[in-house]
Amino acid sequence: MKLNRIITLCAMALTLAVSAGSLLAQDNGNNNGGPGGNQQGGQRRNRQGGGNFDPAQMQQRMLERVQEQLGFTNDTEWDAVKPLVQKVMDARRDVGFGGMGRMFGGGRNRGGDQGGNARPNPFGQTSPEQEALQKAIDDDAPAAQIKDLLAKYKASQKAKQTKLEAAQAELKAVLTTKQEAQAYLLQLVN
């Protein structure tokens, strides 16, 4: 029961975060393209349709926000720190969204497609350990097999957490105290 509540709360928080990001990305409409015209109206309608999710564009906006929040105005300094921020973001995605993509329709297709084609997963790739565990659960595998696969999945998650912590340490090493505090508020470092 508690696990269901936690999963539901995580799903709601993630949905709100994605929605907020999309709201922040919308144009204010200040550039009307000329007197009385609104040449961007069609673009706005397309964005609201939700079918044009571009992970690369979202990631770029996130990096720009981090650059601004950490106070990097010098491009040379930012170019040195950006790969470290990217490394943390990638590692956090791998750790943080583990199976969350499935809750939102990502991962393997469980629908009528008998070919087993996967739908796009905006939350990153699922690991082979996760796929094997999910398949065993779906196939009602024996408890011993599920237990073994769960142990392998937990070990892979622990390795990803270790990778995240190493990336965070690398980033913290190049930040000032003020930047580290801001990075903590942005949940880039612990």
Protein backbone atom coordinates (compact mmCIF):
# COMPACT_ATOMS: atom_id res chain seq x y z
CA MET A 1 0.00 0.00 0.00
CA LYS A 2 2.78 2.41 0.96
CA LEU A 3 4.73 1.59 -2.19
CA ASN A 4 1.70 2.39 -4.34
CA ARG A 5 1.38 5.78 -2.66
CA ILE A 6 5.07 6.54 -3.16
CA ILE A 7 4.91 5.52 -6.82
CA THR A 8 1.77 7.60 -7.32
CA LEU A 9 3.37 10.64 -5.68
CA CYS A 10 6.51 10.23 -7.79
CA ALA A 11 4.43 9.95 -10.93
CA MET A 12 2.46 13.07 -10.04
CA ALA A 13 5.64 15.01 -9.24
CA LEU A 14 7.23 13.96 -12.51
CA THR A 15 4.12 14.88 -14.46
CA LEU A 16 4.07 18.31 -12.81
CA ALA A 17 7.76 18.81 -13.55
CA VAL A 18 7.34 17.93 -17.21
CA SER A 19 4.27 20.17 -17.45
CA ALA A 20 6.09 23.06 -15.80
CA GLY A 21 9.01 22.67 -18.20
CA SER A 22 6.67 22.80 -21.15
CA LEU A 23 4.97 25.91 -19.78
CA LEU A 24 8.33 27.63 -19.29
CA ALA A 25 9.31 26.75 -22.84
CA GLN A 26 6.25 28.36 -24.38
CA ASP A 27 6.65 31.64 -26.21
CA ASN A 28 5.21 34.76 -24.59
CA GLY A 29 3.88 35.94 -27.93
CA ASN A 30 5.87 39.19 -27.87
CA ASN A 31 7.19 38.59 -31.37
CA ASN A 32 4.10 38.86 -33.50
CA GLY A 33 5.94 38.87 -36.80
CA GLY A 34 4.60 42.26 -37.84
CA PRO A 35 1.67 44.59 -37.28
CA GLY A 36 -1.46 42.78 -36.27
CA GLY A 37 -0.17 39.36 -37.30
CA ASN A 38 0.77 36.36 -35.24
CA GLN A 39 2.98 34.14 -37.31
CA GLN A 40 3.82 31.96 -34.33
CA GLY A 41 0.27 30.91 -33.55
CA GLY A 42 0.59 27.73 -35.59
CA GLN A 43 3.81 26.83 -33.79
CA ARG A 44 2.13 27.31 -30.42
CA ARG A 45 -0.74 25.06 -31.42
CA ASN A 46 1.72 22.38 -32.51
CA ARG A 47 3.57 22.52 -29.20
CA GLN A 48 0.36 22.14 -27.24
CA GLY A 49 -0.40 18.94 -29.14
CA GLY A 50 2.37 17.18 -27.20
CA GLY A 51 3.50 15.13 -30.17
CA ASN A 52 6.73 17.05 -30.74
CA PHE A 53 8.68 16.15 -27.58
CA ASP A 54 12.36 16.62 -28.32
CA PRO A 55 14.63 15.31 -25.52
CA ALA A 56 17.69 17.06 -26.99
CA GLN A 57 15.90 20.41 -26.98
CA MET A 58 14.69 19.87 -23.42
CA GLN A 59 18.18 18.93 -22.30
CA GLN A 60 19.62 22.06 -23.95
CA ARG A 61 17.10 24.25 -22.11
CA MET A 62 18.01 22.52 -18.85
CA LEU A 63 21.71 23.16 -19.44
CA GLU A 64 21.03 26.82 -20.23
CA ARG A 65 19.05 27.12 -17.01
CA VAL A 66 21.86 25.52 -15.00
CA GLN A 67 24.40 27.87 -16.63
CA GLU A 68 22.26 30.85 -15.68
CA GLN A 69 21.52 29.62 -12.15
CA LEU A 70 25.17 28.87 -11.43
CA GLY A 71 26.14 32.32 -12.70
CA PHE A 72 28.43 31.31 -15.56
CA THR A 73 28.66 34.29 -17.90
CA ASN A 74 32.09 33.45 -19.29
CA ASP A 75 31.67 30.90 -22.11
CA THR A 76 35.18 29.51 -21.62
CA GLU A 77 34.47 28.68 -17.97
CA TRP A 78 31.06 27.25 -18.81
CA ASP A 79 32.55 25.10 -21.60
CA ALA A 80 34.86 23.55 -18.99
CA VAL A 81 32.04 22.88 -16.49
CA LYS A 82 29.27 21.93 -18.94
CA PRO A 83 30.52 18.35 -19.56
CA LEU A 84 30.60 17.76 -15.80
CA VAL A 85 27.03 19.05 -15.44
CA GLN A 86 26.00 16.87 -18.40
CA LYS A 87 27.64 13.84 -16.79
CA VAL A 88 25.68 14.43 -13.57
CA MET A 89 22.42 14.93 -15.45
CA ASP A 90 22.94 11.71 -17.44
CA ALA A 91 23.84 9.70 -14.34
CA ARG A 92 20.87 11.16 -12.43
CA ARG A 93 18.54 10.22 -15.29
CA ASP A 94 19.87 6.66 -15.25
CA VAL A 95 19.41 6.36 -11.49
CA GLY A 96 16.35 8.49 -10.91
CA PHE A 97 13.98 7.27 -13.57
CA GLY A 98 14.75 3.56 -13.34
CA GLY A 99 11.30 2.14 -14.10
CA MET A 100 9.35 5.40 -14.06
CA GLY A 101 9.19 5.48 -17.86
CA ARG A 102 6.87 2.48 -17.85
CA MET A 103 4.32 4.35 -15.78
CA PHE A 104 4.03 6.92 -18.56
CA GLY A 105 3.89 4.56 -21.51
CA GLY A 106 7.61 4.24 -22.17
CA GLY A 107 9.57 1.04 -22.46
CA ARG A 108 8.23 -2.15 -23.99
CA ASN A 109 4.91 -2.10 -25.73
CA ARG A 110 2.37 -4.16 -23.83
CA GLY A 111 -0.44 -3.37 -26.22
CA GLY A 112 -1.77 -5.29 -29.17
CA ASP A 113 1.48 -5.24 -31.12
CA GLN A 114 2.59 -8.87 -31.13
CA GLY A 115 5.95 -7.95 -32.61
CA GLY A 116 7.17 -6.62 -29.26
CA ASN A 117 8.15 -3.26 -30.73
CA ALA A 118 9.16 -0.69 -28.15
CA ARG A 119 7.57 2.71 -27.92
CA PRO A 120 9.88 5.68 -27.46
CA ASN A 121 10.81 6.23 -23.83
CA PRO A 122 11.54 9.88 -22.95
CA PHE A 123 12.94 8.78 -19.60
CA GLY A 124 16.00 7.06 -21.00
CA GLN A 125 16.78 3.50 -21.92
CA THR A 126 15.79 0.65 -19.67
CA SER A 127 18.65 -1.57 -18.57
CA PRO A 128 18.94 -5.21 -19.66
CA GLU A 129 18.60 -6.17 -15.97
CA GLN A 130 15.35 -4.23 -15.72
CA GLU A 131 14.01 -5.77 -18.91
CA ALA A 132 14.89 -9.29 -17.74
CA LEU A 133 13.24 -8.69 -14.37
CA GLN A 134 10.10 -7.25 -15.97
CA LYS A 135 9.90 -10.16 -18.40
CA ALA A 136 10.20 -12.66 -15.54
CA ILE A 137 7.43 -10.87 -13.65
CA ASP A 138 5.22 -10.73 -16.76
CA ASP A 139 5.83 -14.43 -17.45
CA ASP A 140 5.09 -15.47 -13.84
CA ALA A 141 8.57 -16.96 -13.50
CA PRO A 142 9.43 -18.98 -10.38
CA ALA A 143 10.17 -16.97 -7.25
CA ALA A 144 13.82 -18.07 -7.19
CA GLN A 145 14.37 -16.73 -10.72
CA ILE A 146 12.68 -13.41 -9.89
CA LYS A 147 14.74 -13.15 -6.69
CA ASP A 148 17.97 -13.71 -8.68
CA LEU A 149 16.99 -11.16 -11.34
CA LEU A 150 15.97 -8.65 -8.66
CA ALA A 151 19.40 -9.00 -7.04
CA LYS A 152 21.06 -8.35 -10.42
CA TYR A 153 18.85 -5.32 -11.01
CA LYS A 154 19.61 -3.92 -7.54
CA ALA A 155 23.35 -4.39 -8.18
CA SER A 156 23.08 -2.51 -11.49
CA GLN A 157 21.18 0.32 -9.77
CA LYS A 158 23.83 0.48 -7.04
CA ALA A 159 26.55 0.76 -9.72
CA LYS A 160 24.60 3.60 -11.36
CA GLN A 161 24.28 5.35 -7.98
CA THR A 162 28.05 5.04 -7.47
CA LYS A 163 28.61 6.54 -10.94
CA LEU A 164 26.27 9.43 -10.05
CA GLU A 165 28.10 10.12 -6.80
CA ALA A 166 31.46 10.17 -8.63
CA ALA A 167 30.09 12.59 -11.24
CA GLN A 168 28.71 14.83 -8.48
CA ALA A 169 32.09 14.85 -6.71
CA GLU A 170 33.82 15.87 -9.96
CA LEU A 171 31.36 18.73 -10.43
CA LYS A 172 31.62 19.93 -6.83
CA ALA A 173 35.42 20.05 -7.14
CA VAL A 174 35.24 22.84 -9.75
CA LEU A 175 32.44 24.94 -8.25
CA THR A 176 32.71 27.84 -5.85
CA THR A 177 30.88 27.55 -2.53
CA LYS A 178 28.04 29.71 -3.84
CA GLN A 179 27.78 27.67 -7.04
CA GLU A 180 27.82 24.43 -5.05
CA ALA A 181 24.96 25.72 -2.89
CA GLN A 182 22.99 26.62 -6.01
CA ALA A 183 23.79 23.23 -7.57
CA TYR A 184 22.48 21.62 -4.40
CA LEU A 185 19.22 23.58 -4.71
CA LEU A 186 19.02 22.45 -8.34
CA GLN A 187 19.52 18.88 -7.08
CA LEU A 188 22.63 18.41 -9.19
CA VAL A 189 24.76 17.53 -6.15
CA ASN A 190 24.17 16.11 -2.69
